[in-house]
Amino acid sequence: MSTMNVDQVLAQMRTLATQASGGINPKPQASAVDFGDMLKQSIDTVSQAQQKSSELKTSFELGEGDVNLAEVMIASQKANISFQAMVQVRNKLVDAYKDVMNMPI
């Protein structure tokens, strides 16, 4: 997940916390964020992290450029963590879908 996405999520959480505590309603955002677009952007970010990790691994293995082992390991861990986070989000979405589908009408 990129820093921009994390900042957006934190801003939304602060807004919801303010509203829940009875604080003054914050100004509405000028543009609405589409959930589908945000999800696609997150998936693309995870994909880019995995591609970068793969490229760094290949470069290190071939001895190309100034790639050191620390950079390769950090990129690999970032890709792994972002993928695990995306899997957890997917699991929560599937659980929510199942809950909605099992609701009585």
PDB file of N, CA and C in Angstrom:
ATOM      1  N   MET A   1       0.845  -1.155   0.000  1.00  0.00           N
ATOM      2  CA  MET A   1       0.000   0.000   0.000  1.00  0.00           C
ATOM      3  C   MET A   1       0.895   1.223   0.000  1.00  0.00           C
ATOM      4  N   SER A   2       0.635   2.171  -0.848  1.00  0.00           N
ATOM      5  CA  SER A   2       1.489   3.337  -0.951  1.00  0.00           C
ATOM      6  C   SER A   2       1.205   4.318   0.172  1.00  0.00           C
ATOM      7  N   THR A   3       2.108   5.265   0.336  1.00  0.00           N
ATOM      8  CA  THR A   3       1.959   6.277   1.371  1.00  0.00           C
ATOM      9  C   THR A   3       0.713   7.099   1.128  1.00  0.00           C
ATOM     10  N   MET A   4       0.404   7.373  -0.137  1.00  0.00           N
ATOM     11  CA  MET A   4      -0.780   8.155  -0.467  1.00  0.00           C
ATOM     12  C   MET A   4      -2.030   7.416  -0.007  1.00  0.00           C
ATOM     13  N   ASN A   5      -2.111   6.127  -0.249  1.00  0.00           N
ATOM     14  CA  ASN A   5      -3.270   5.356   0.164  1.00  0.00           C
ATOM     15  C   ASN A   5      -3.392   5.326   1.676  1.00  0.00           C
ATOM     16  N   VAL A   6      -2.287   5.177   2.381  1.00  0.00           N
ATOM     17  CA  VAL A   6      -2.299   5.145   3.836  1.00  0.00           C
ATOM     18  C   VAL A   6      -2.777   6.481   4.374  1.00  0.00           C
ATOM     19  N   ASP A   7      -2.299   7.580   3.792  1.00  0.00           N
ATOM     20  CA  ASP A   7      -2.722   8.909   4.224  1.00  0.00           C
ATOM     21  C   ASP A   7      -4.217   9.113   4.003  1.00  0.00           C
ATOM     22  N   GLN A   8      -4.725   8.619   2.877  1.00  0.00           N
ATOM     23  CA  GLN A   8      -6.154   8.749   2.603  1.00  0.00           C
ATOM     24  C   GLN A   8      -6.977   7.959   3.623  1.00  0.00           C
ATOM     25  N   VAL A   9      -6.536   6.747   3.933  1.00  0.00           N
ATOM     26  CA  VAL A   9      -7.254   5.912   4.898  1.00  0.00           C
ATOM     27  C   VAL A   9      -7.220   6.559   6.277  1.00  0.00           C
ATOM     28  N   LEU A  10      -6.066   7.084   6.681  1.00  0.00           N
ATOM     29  CA  LEU A  10      -5.961   7.756   7.979  1.00  0.00           C
ATOM     30  C   LEU A  10      -6.862   8.984   8.041  1.00  0.00           C
ATOM     31  N   ALA A  11      -6.913   9.756   6.965  1.00  0.00           N
ATOM     32  CA  ALA A  11      -7.780  10.933   6.935  1.00  0.00           C
ATOM     33  C   ALA A  11      -9.250  10.526   7.059  1.00  0.00           C
ATOM     34  N   GLN A  12      -9.635   9.451   6.394  1.00  0.00           N
ATOM     35  CA  GLN A  12     -11.011   8.984   6.491  1.00  0.00           C
ATOM     36  C   GLN A  12     -11.324   8.490   7.900  1.00  0.00           C
ATOM     37  N   MET A  13     -10.357   7.803   8.521  1.00  0.00           N
ATOM     38  CA  MET A  13     -10.573   7.314   9.880  1.00  0.00           C
ATOM     39  C   MET A  13     -10.717   8.475  10.865  1.00  0.00           C
ATOM     40  N   ARG A  14      -9.914   9.518  10.692  1.00  0.00           N
ATOM     41  CA  ARG A  14     -10.031  10.698  11.563  1.00  0.00           C
ATOM     42  C   ARG A  14     -11.373  11.379  11.377  1.00  0.00           C
ATOM     43  N   THR A  15     -11.819  11.465  10.143  1.00  0.00           N
ATOM     44  CA  THR A  15     -13.118  12.073   9.858  1.00  0.00           C
ATOM     45  C   THR A  15     -14.237  11.285  10.534  1.00  0.00           C
ATOM     46  N   LEU A  16     -14.197   9.971  10.409  1.00  0.00           N
ATOM     47  CA  LEU A  16     -15.221   9.128  11.033  1.00  0.00           C
ATOM     48  C   LEU A  16     -15.163   9.219  12.551  1.00  0.00           C
ATOM     49  N   ALA A  17     -13.966   9.294  13.114  1.00  0.00           N
ATOM     50  CA  ALA A  17     -13.826   9.418  14.570  1.00  0.00           C
ATOM     51  C   ALA A  17     -14.407  10.733  15.048  1.00  0.00           C
ATOM     52  N   THR A  18     -14.196  11.802  14.302  1.00  0.00           N
ATOM     53  CA  THR A  18     -14.747  13.109  14.664  1.00  0.00           C
ATOM     54  C   THR A  18     -16.263  13.080  14.607  1.00  0.00           C
ATOM     55  N   GLN A  19     -16.805  12.474  13.583  1.00  0.00           N
ATOM     56  CA  GLN A  19     -18.252  12.384  13.448  1.00  0.00           C
ATOM     57  C   GLN A  19     -18.854  11.528  14.548  1.00  0.00           C
ATOM     58  N   ALA A  20     -18.186  10.432  14.907  1.00  0.00           N
ATOM     59  CA  ALA A  20     -18.700   9.532  15.932  1.00  0.00           C
ATOM     60  C   ALA A  20     -18.665  10.170  17.311  1.00  0.00           C
ATOM     61  N   SER A  21     -17.695  11.046  17.551  1.00  0.00           N
ATOM     62  CA  SER A  21     -17.595  11.677  18.864  1.00  0.00           C
ATOM     63  C   SER A  21     -18.491  12.897  18.988  1.00  0.00           C
ATOM     64  N   GLY A  22     -19.244  13.191  17.963  1.00  0.00           N
ATOM     65  CA  GLY A  22     -20.177  14.311  18.024  1.00  0.00           C
ATOM     66  C   GLY A  22     -19.521  15.627  17.700  1.00  0.00           C
ATOM     67  N   GLY A  23     -18.356  15.593  17.117  1.00  0.00           N
ATOM     68  CA  GLY A  23     -17.644  16.808  16.744  1.00  0.00           C
ATOM     69  C   GLY A  23     -18.308  17.473  15.566  1.00  0.00           C
ATOM     70  N   ILE A  24     -17.773  18.589  15.197  1.00  0.00           N
ATOM     71  CA  ILE A  24     -18.288  19.322  14.047  1.00  0.00           C
ATOM     72  C   ILE A  24     -18.038  18.512  12.792  1.00  0.00           C
ATOM     73  N   ASN A  25     -19.052  18.455  11.961  1.00  0.00           N
ATOM     74  CA  ASN A  25     -18.899  17.704  10.716  1.00  0.00           C
ATOM     75  C   ASN A  25     -17.852  18.373   9.849  1.00  0.00           C
ATOM     76  N   PRO A  26     -16.898  17.600   9.360  1.00  0.00           N
ATOM     77  CA  PRO A  26     -15.892  18.183   8.479  1.00  0.00           C
ATOM     78  C   PRO A  26     -16.498  18.567   7.141  1.00  0.00           C
ATOM     79  N   LYS A  27     -15.776  19.408   6.420  1.00  0.00           N
ATOM     80  CA  LYS A  27     -16.255  19.830   5.113  1.00  0.00           C
ATOM     81  C   LYS A  27     -16.302  18.627   4.182  1.00  0.00           C
ATOM     82  N   PRO A  28     -17.351  18.503   3.383  1.00  0.00           N
ATOM     83  CA  PRO A  28     -17.388  17.397   2.430  1.00  0.00           C
ATOM     84  C   PRO A  28     -16.269  17.554   1.411  1.00  0.00           C
ATOM     85  N   GLN A  29     -15.764  16.419   0.970  1.00  0.00           N
ATOM     86  CA  GLN A  29     -14.688  16.450  -0.010  1.00  0.00           C
ATOM     87  C   GLN A  29     -15.235  16.898  -1.352  1.00  0.00           C
ATOM     88  N   ALA A  30     -14.390  17.582  -2.103  1.00  0.00           N
ATOM     89  CA  ALA A  30     -14.812  18.110  -3.388  1.00  0.00           C
ATOM     90  C   ALA A  30     -15.130  16.996  -4.372  1.00  0.00           C
ATOM     91  N   SER A  31     -14.375  15.910  -4.313  1.00  0.00           N
ATOM     92  CA  SER A  31     -14.628  14.807  -5.226  1.00  0.00           C
ATOM     93  C   SER A  31     -14.799  13.520  -4.429  1.00  0.00           C
ATOM     94  N   ALA A  32     -15.792  12.749  -4.793  1.00  0.00           N
ATOM     95  CA  ALA A  32     -16.040  11.479  -4.129  1.00  0.00           C
ATOM     96  C   ALA A  32     -15.047  10.438  -4.642  1.00  0.00           C
ATOM     97  N   VAL A  33     -14.601   9.575  -3.740  1.00  0.00           N
ATOM     98  CA  VAL A  33     -13.665   8.525  -4.113  1.00  0.00           C
ATOM     99  C   VAL A  33     -14.461   7.257  -4.399  1.00  0.00           C
ATOM    100  N   ASP A  34     -14.266   6.716  -5.576  1.00  0.00           N
ATOM    101  CA  ASP A  34     -14.956   5.505  -5.971  1.00  0.00           C
ATOM    102  C   ASP A  34     -14.235   4.303  -5.361  1.00  0.00           C
ATOM    103  N   PHE A  35     -14.973   3.436  -4.681  1.00  0.00           N
ATOM    104  CA  PHE A  35     -14.371   2.279  -4.025  1.00  0.00           C
ATOM    105  C   PHE A  35     -13.669   1.376  -5.024  1.00  0.00           C
ATOM    106  N   GLY A  36     -14.279   1.157  -6.158  1.00  0.00           N
ATOM    107  CA  GLY A  36     -13.685   0.303  -7.184  1.00  0.00           C
ATOM    108  C   GLY A  36     -12.356   0.848  -7.681  1.00  0.00           C
ATOM    109  N   ASP A  37     -12.309   2.173  -7.887  1.00  0.00           N
ATOM    110  CA  ASP A  37     -11.058   2.786  -8.338  1.00  0.00           C
ATOM    111  C   ASP A  37      -9.972   2.678  -7.268  1.00  0.00           C
ATOM    112  N   MET A  38     -10.352   2.887  -6.011  1.00  0.00           N
ATOM    113  CA  MET A  38      -9.389   2.798  -4.929  1.00  0.00           C
ATOM    114  C   MET A  38      -8.867   1.368  -4.785  1.00  0.00           C
ATOM    115  N   LEU A  39      -9.744   0.384  -4.930  1.00  0.00           N
ATOM    116  CA  LEU A  39      -9.337  -1.015  -4.854  1.00  0.00           C
ATOM    117  C   LEU A  39      -8.417  -1.376  -6.016  1.00  0.00           C
ATOM    118  N   LYS A  40      -8.751  -0.918  -7.216  1.00  0.00           N
ATOM    119  CA  LYS A  40      -7.897  -1.182  -8.379  1.00  0.00           C
ATOM    120  C   LYS A  40      -6.535  -0.535  -8.208  1.00  0.00           C
ATOM    121  N   GLN A  41      -6.501   0.676  -7.677  1.00  0.00           N
ATOM    122  CA  GLN A  41      -5.235   1.365  -7.456  1.00  0.00           C
ATOM    123  C   GLN A  41      -4.380   0.595  -6.439  1.00  0.00           C
ATOM    124  N   SER A  42      -5.010   0.072  -5.402  1.00  0.00           N
ATOM    125  CA  SER A  42      -4.283  -0.702  -4.401  1.00  0.00           C
ATOM    126  C   SER A  42      -3.723  -1.992  -5.004  1.00  0.00           C
ATOM    127  N   ILE A  43      -4.513  -2.660  -5.814  1.00  0.00           N
ATOM    128  CA  ILE A  43      -4.051  -3.887  -6.463  1.00  0.00           C
ATOM    129  C   ILE A  43      -2.898  -3.581  -7.413  1.00  0.00           C
ATOM    130  N   ASP A  44      -3.009  -2.484  -8.153  1.00  0.00           N
ATOM    131  CA  ASP A  44      -1.922  -2.092  -9.056  1.00  0.00           C
ATOM    132  C   ASP A  44      -0.645  -1.782  -8.274  1.00  0.00           C
ATOM    133  N   THR A  45      -0.777  -1.161  -7.113  1.00  0.00           N
ATOM    134  CA  THR A  45       0.381  -0.843  -6.281  1.00  0.00           C
ATOM    135  C   THR A  45       1.066  -2.117  -5.806  1.00  0.00           C
ATOM    136  N   VAL A  46       0.276  -3.111  -5.394  1.00  0.00           N
ATOM    137  CA  VAL A  46       0.837  -4.393  -4.968  1.00  0.00           C
ATOM    138  C   VAL A  46       1.547  -5.067  -6.139  1.00  0.00           C
ATOM    139  N   SER A  47       0.927  -5.015  -7.300  1.00  0.00           N
ATOM    140  CA  SER A  47       1.536  -5.616  -8.492  1.00  0.00           C
ATOM    141  C   SER A  47       2.855  -4.941  -8.839  1.00  0.00           C
ATOM    142  N   GLN A  48       2.895  -3.620  -8.752  1.00  0.00           N
ATOM    143  CA  GLN A  48       4.132  -2.892  -9.039  1.00  0.00           C
ATOM    144  C   GLN A  48       5.230  -3.247  -8.042  1.00  0.00           C
ATOM    145  N   ALA A  49       4.867  -3.390  -6.763  1.00  0.00           N
ATOM    146  CA  ALA A  49       5.853  -3.754  -5.742  1.00  0.00           C
ATOM    147  C   ALA A  49       6.420  -5.141  -6.029  1.00  0.00           C
ATOM    148  N   GLN A  50       5.561  -6.070  -6.452  1.00  0.00           N
ATOM    149  CA  GLN A  50       6.040  -7.407  -6.780  1.00  0.00           C
ATOM    150  C   GLN A  50       6.935  -7.396  -8.017  1.00  0.00           C
ATOM    151  N   GLN A  51       6.582  -6.604  -9.018  1.00  0.00           N
ATOM    152  CA  GLN A  51       7.403  -6.517 -10.219  1.00  0.00           C
ATOM    153  C   GLN A  51       8.764  -5.900  -9.908  1.00  0.00           C
ATOM    154  N   LYS A  52       8.768  -4.845  -9.093  1.00  0.00           N
ATOM    155  CA  LYS A  52      10.027  -4.208  -8.712  1.00  0.00           C
ATOM    156  C   LYS A  52      10.910  -5.190  -7.955  1.00  0.00           C
ATOM    157  N   SER A  53      10.306  -5.942  -7.042  1.00  0.00           N
ATOM    158  CA  SER A  53      11.056  -6.936  -6.279  1.00  0.00           C
ATOM    159  C   SER A  53      11.656  -7.984  -7.206  1.00  0.00           C
ATOM    160  N   SER A  54      10.877  -8.441  -8.154  1.00  0.00           N
ATOM    161  CA  SER A  54      11.359  -9.443  -9.103  1.00  0.00           C
ATOM    162  C   SER A  54      12.506  -8.900  -9.955  1.00  0.00           C
ATOM    163  N   GLU A  55      12.364  -7.651 -10.404  1.00  0.00           N
ATOM    164  CA  GLU A  55      13.418  -7.040 -11.212  1.00  0.00           C
ATOM    165  C   GLU A  55      14.707  -6.886 -10.408  1.00  0.00           C
ATOM    166  N   LEU A  56      14.593  -6.461  -9.138  1.00  0.00           N
ATOM    167  CA  LEU A  56      15.777  -6.307  -8.295  1.00  0.00           C
ATOM    168  C   LEU A  56      16.447  -7.659  -8.042  1.00  0.00           C
ATOM    169  N   LYS A  57      15.643  -8.694  -7.820  1.00  0.00           N
ATOM    170  CA  LYS A  57      16.202 -10.028  -7.609  1.00  0.00           C
ATOM    171  C   LYS A  57      16.981 -10.489  -8.836  1.00  0.00           C
ATOM    172  N   THR A  58      16.386 -10.295  -9.997  1.00  0.00           N
ATOM    173  CA  THR A  58      17.045 -10.704 -11.235  1.00  0.00           C
ATOM    174  C   THR A  58      18.335  -9.922 -11.455  1.00  0.00           C
ATOM    175  N   SER A  59      18.278  -8.610 -11.226  1.00  0.00           N
ATOM    176  CA  SER A  59      19.476  -7.781 -11.386  1.00  0.00           C
ATOM    177  C   SER A  59      20.574  -8.216 -10.427  1.00  0.00           C
ATOM    178  N   PHE A  60      20.202  -8.530  -9.184  1.00  0.00           N
ATOM    179  CA  PHE A  60      21.198  -8.955  -8.204  1.00  0.00           C
ATOM    180  C   PHE A  60      21.816 -10.288  -8.600  1.00  0.00           C
ATOM    181  N   GLU A  61      20.964 -11.208  -9.050  1.00  0.00           N
ATOM    182  CA  GLU A  61      21.460 -12.527  -9.446  1.00  0.00           C
ATOM    183  C   GLU A  61      22.412 -12.450 -10.628  1.00  0.00           C
ATOM    184  N   LEU A  62      22.147 -11.532 -11.542  1.00  0.00           N
ATOM    185  CA  LEU A  62      22.985 -11.394 -12.730  1.00  0.00           C
ATOM    186  C   LEU A  62      24.170 -10.458 -12.500  1.00  0.00           C
ATOM    187  N   GLY A  63      24.195  -9.788 -11.336  1.00  0.00           N
ATOM    188  CA  GLY A  63      25.295  -8.881 -11.026  1.00  0.00           C
ATOM    189  C   GLY A  63      25.237  -7.578 -11.790  1.00  0.00           C
ATOM    190  N   GLU A  64      24.062  -7.186 -12.225  1.00  0.00           N
ATOM    191  CA  GLU A  64      23.892  -5.953 -12.991  1.00  0.00           C
ATOM    192  C   GLU A  64      23.673  -4.767 -12.064  1.00  0.00           C
ATOM    193  N   GLY A  65      24.205  -3.635 -12.421  1.00  0.00           N
ATOM    194  CA  GLY A  65      23.939  -2.390 -11.705  1.00  0.00           C
ATOM    195  C   GLY A  65      24.509  -2.375 -10.298  1.00  0.00           C
ATOM    196  N   ASP A  66      24.056  -1.406  -9.536  1.00  0.00           N
ATOM    197  CA  ASP A  66      24.509  -1.237  -8.154  1.00  0.00           C
ATOM    198  C   ASP A  66      23.459  -1.753  -7.175  1.00  0.00           C
ATOM    199  N   VAL A  67      22.957  -2.923  -7.409  1.00  0.00           N
ATOM    200  CA  VAL A  67      21.937  -3.516  -6.548  1.00  0.00           C
ATOM    201  C   VAL A  67      22.633  -4.342  -5.478  1.00  0.00           C
ATOM    202  N   ASN A  68      22.331  -4.011  -4.220  1.00  0.00           N
ATOM    203  CA  ASN A  68      22.918  -4.804  -3.141  1.00  0.00           C
ATOM    204  C   ASN A  68      21.852  -5.692  -2.507  1.00  0.00           C
ATOM    205  N   LEU A  69      22.287  -6.625  -1.706  1.00  0.00           N
ATOM    206  CA  LEU A  69      21.383  -7.613  -1.116  1.00  0.00           C
ATOM    207  C   LEU A  69      20.338  -6.962  -0.214  1.00  0.00           C
ATOM    208  N   ALA A  70      20.721  -5.922   0.507  1.00  0.00           N
ATOM    209  CA  ALA A  70      19.774  -5.251   1.415  1.00  0.00           C
ATOM    210  C   ALA A  70      18.592  -4.669   0.637  1.00  0.00           C
ATOM    211  N   GLU A  71      18.861  -4.024  -0.489  1.00  0.00           N
ATOM    212  CA  GLU A  71      17.781  -3.472  -1.309  1.00  0.00           C
ATOM    213  C   GLU A  71      16.854  -4.566  -1.806  1.00  0.00           C
ATOM    214  N   VAL A  72      17.432  -5.686  -2.215  1.00  0.00           N
ATOM    215  CA  VAL A  72      16.640  -6.805  -2.725  1.00  0.00           C
ATOM    216  C   VAL A  72      15.741  -7.368  -1.627  1.00  0.00           C
ATOM    217  N   MET A  73      16.303  -7.552  -0.444  1.00  0.00           N
ATOM    218  CA  MET A  73      15.522  -8.115   0.662  1.00  0.00           C
ATOM    219  C   MET A  73      14.422  -7.164   1.120  1.00  0.00           C
ATOM    220  N   ILE A  74      14.713  -5.874   1.163  1.00  0.00           N
ATOM    221  CA  ILE A  74      13.694  -4.898   1.564  1.00  0.00           C
ATOM    222  C   ILE A  74      12.556  -4.856   0.550  1.00  0.00           C
ATOM    223  N   ALA A  75      12.892  -4.840  -0.732  1.00  0.00           N
ATOM    224  CA  ALA A  75      11.857  -4.834  -1.767  1.00  0.00           C
ATOM    225  C   ALA A  75      11.027  -6.112  -1.711  1.00  0.00           C
ATOM    226  N   SER A  76      11.688  -7.234  -1.444  1.00  0.00           N
ATOM    227  CA  SER A  76      10.976  -8.506  -1.347  1.00  0.00           C
ATOM    228  C   SER A  76      10.012  -8.504  -0.163  1.00  0.00           C
ATOM    229  N   GLN A  77      10.450  -7.976   0.972  1.00  0.00           N
ATOM    230  CA  GLN A  77       9.579  -7.934   2.149  1.00  0.00           C
ATOM    231  C   GLN A  77       8.421  -6.960   1.957  1.00  0.00           C
ATOM    232  N   LYS A  78       8.686  -5.821   1.323  1.00  0.00           N
ATOM    233  CA  LYS A  78       7.606  -4.874   1.040  1.00  0.00           C
ATOM    234  C   LYS A  78       6.545  -5.515   0.152  1.00  0.00           C
ATOM    235  N   ALA A  79       6.991  -6.223  -0.872  1.00  0.00           N
ATOM    236  CA  ALA A  79       6.056  -6.891  -1.775  1.00  0.00           C
ATOM    237  C   ALA A  79       5.265  -7.961  -1.039  1.00  0.00           C
ATOM    238  N   ASN A  80       5.940  -8.711  -0.172  1.00  0.00           N
ATOM    239  CA  ASN A  80       5.279  -9.764   0.586  1.00  0.00           C
ATOM    240  C   ASN A  80       4.236  -9.190   1.541  1.00  0.00           C
ATOM    241  N   ILE A  81       4.596  -8.153   2.258  1.00  0.00           N
ATOM    242  CA  ILE A  81       3.672  -7.548   3.226  1.00  0.00           C
ATOM    243  C   ILE A  81       2.477  -6.929   2.518  1.00  0.00           C
ATOM    244  N   SER A  82       2.715  -6.236   1.416  1.00  0.00           N
ATOM    245  CA  SER A  82       1.592  -5.630   0.695  1.00  0.00           C
ATOM    246  C   SER A  82       0.674  -6.702   0.118  1.00  0.00           C
ATOM    247  N   PHE A  83       1.245  -7.818  -0.336  1.00  0.00           N
ATOM    248  CA  PHE A  83       0.412  -8.910  -0.848  1.00  0.00           C
ATOM    249  C   PHE A  83      -0.412  -9.535   0.271  1.00  0.00           C
ATOM    250  N   GLN A  84       0.197  -9.752   1.428  1.00  0.00           N
ATOM    251  CA  GLN A  84      -0.538 -10.311   2.570  1.00  0.00           C
ATOM    252  C   GLN A  84      -1.666  -9.382   3.000  1.00  0.00           C
ATOM    253  N   ALA A  85      -1.410  -8.079   2.990  1.00  0.00           N
ATOM    254  CA  ALA A  85      -2.465  -7.117   3.343  1.00  0.00           C
ATOM    255  C   ALA A  85      -3.606  -7.176   2.336  1.00  0.00           C
ATOM    256  N   MET A  86      -3.265  -7.299   1.056  1.00  0.00           N
ATOM    257  CA  MET A  86      -4.304  -7.380   0.026  1.00  0.00           C
ATOM    258  C   MET A  86      -5.129  -8.658   0.187  1.00  0.00           C
ATOM    259  N   VAL A  87      -4.488  -9.756   0.552  1.00  0.00           N
ATOM    260  CA  VAL A  87      -5.213 -11.012   0.780  1.00  0.00           C
ATOM    261  C   VAL A  87      -6.175 -10.850   1.961  1.00  0.00           C
ATOM    262  N   GLN A  88      -5.742 -10.168   3.011  1.00  0.00           N
ATOM    263  CA  GLN A  88      -6.618  -9.952   4.164  1.00  0.00           C
ATOM    264  C   GLN A  88      -7.816  -9.074   3.797  1.00  0.00           C
ATOM    265  N   VAL A  89      -7.580  -8.064   2.980  1.00  0.00           N
ATOM    266  CA  VAL A  89      -8.688  -7.218   2.515  1.00  0.00           C
ATOM    267  C   VAL A  89      -9.664  -8.049   1.699  1.00  0.00           C
ATOM    268  N   ARG A  90      -9.124  -8.892   0.810  1.00  0.00           N
ATOM    269  CA  ARG A  90      -9.985  -9.761   0.011  1.00  0.00           C
ATOM    270  C   ARG A  90     -10.816 -10.679   0.900  1.00  0.00           C
ATOM    271  N   ASN A  91     -10.181 -11.261   1.934  1.00  0.00           N
ATOM    272  CA  ASN A  91     -10.907 -12.152   2.844  1.00  0.00           C
ATOM    273  C   ASN A  91     -12.032 -11.426   3.558  1.00  0.00           C
ATOM    274  N   LYS A  92     -11.765 -10.198   3.994  1.00  0.00           N
ATOM    275  CA  LYS A  92     -12.806  -9.410   4.671  1.00  0.00           C
ATOM    276  C   LYS A  92     -13.947  -9.072   3.718  1.00  0.00           C
ATOM    277  N   LEU A  93     -13.618  -8.754   2.467  1.00  0.00           N
ATOM    278  CA  LEU A  93     -14.661  -8.460   1.489  1.00  0.00           C
ATOM    279  C   LEU A  93     -15.519  -9.691   1.201  1.00  0.00           C
ATOM    280  N   VAL A  94     -14.892 -10.847   1.115  1.00  0.00           N
ATOM    281  CA  VAL A  94     -15.640 -12.087   0.878  1.00  0.00           C
ATOM    282  C   VAL A  94     -16.539 -12.385   2.080  1.00  0.00           C
ATOM    283  N   ASP A  95     -16.024 -12.199   3.297  1.00  0.00           N
ATOM    284  CA  ASP A  95     -16.840 -12.413   4.495  1.00  0.00           C
ATOM    285  C   ASP A  95     -18.034 -11.458   4.525  1.00  0.00           C
ATOM    286  N   ALA A  96     -17.789 -10.193   4.172  1.00  0.00           N
ATOM    287  CA  ALA A  96     -18.875  -9.221   4.152  1.00  0.00           C
ATOM    288  C   ALA A  96     -19.911  -9.602   3.102  1.00  0.00           C
ATOM    289  N   TYR A  97     -19.458 -10.061   1.949  1.00  0.00           N
ATOM    290  CA  TYR A  97     -20.380 -10.494   0.897  1.00  0.00           C
ATOM    291  C   TYR A  97     -21.230 -11.670   1.379  1.00  0.00           C
ATOM    292  N   LYS A  98     -20.594 -12.634   2.041  1.00  0.00           N
ATOM    293  CA  LYS A  98     -21.336 -13.785   2.556  1.00  0.00           C
ATOM    294  C   LYS A  98     -22.365 -13.355   3.588  1.00  0.00           C
ATOM    295  N   ASP A  99     -21.973 -12.414   4.463  1.00  0.00           N
ATOM    296  CA  ASP A  99     -22.923 -11.916   5.473  1.00  0.00           C
ATOM    297  C   ASP A  99     -24.113 -11.245   4.822  1.00  0.00           C
ATOM    298  N   VAL A 100     -23.870 -10.453   3.799  1.00  0.00           N
ATOM    299  CA  VAL A 100     -24.974  -9.763   3.110  1.00  0.00           C
ATOM    300  C   VAL A 100     -25.868 -10.771   2.406  1.00  0.00           C
ATOM    301  N   MET A 101     -25.267 -11.779   1.784  1.00  0.00           N
ATOM    302  CA  MET A 101     -26.060 -12.759   1.061  1.00  0.00           C
ATOM    303  C   MET A 101     -26.881 -13.641   2.005  1.00  0.00           C
ATOM    304  N   ASN A 102     -26.428 -13.810   3.241  1.00  0.00           N
ATOM    305  CA  ASN A 102     -27.155 -14.648   4.198  1.00  0.00           C
ATOM    306  C   ASN A 102     -28.193 -13.867   5.010  1.00  0.00           C
ATOM    307  N   MET A 103     -28.314 -12.571   4.768  1.00  0.00           N
ATOM    308  CA  MET A 103     -29.308 -11.768   5.489  1.00  0.00           C
ATOM    309  C   MET A 103     -30.707 -12.121   5.010  1.00  0.00           C
ATOM    310  N   PRO A 104     -31.622 -12.244   5.970  1.00  0.00           N
ATOM    311  CA  PRO A 104     -33.005 -12.506   5.539  1.00  0.00           C
ATOM    312  C   PRO A 104     -33.609 -11.243   4.922  1.00  0.00           C
ATOM    313  N   ILE A 105     -34.493 -11.489   3.976  1.00  0.00           N
ATOM    314  CA  ILE A 105     -35.114 -10.344   3.270  1.00  0.00           C
ATOM    315  C   ILE A 105     -36.375  -9.929   3.973  1.00  0.00           C
TER     316      ILE A 105
END
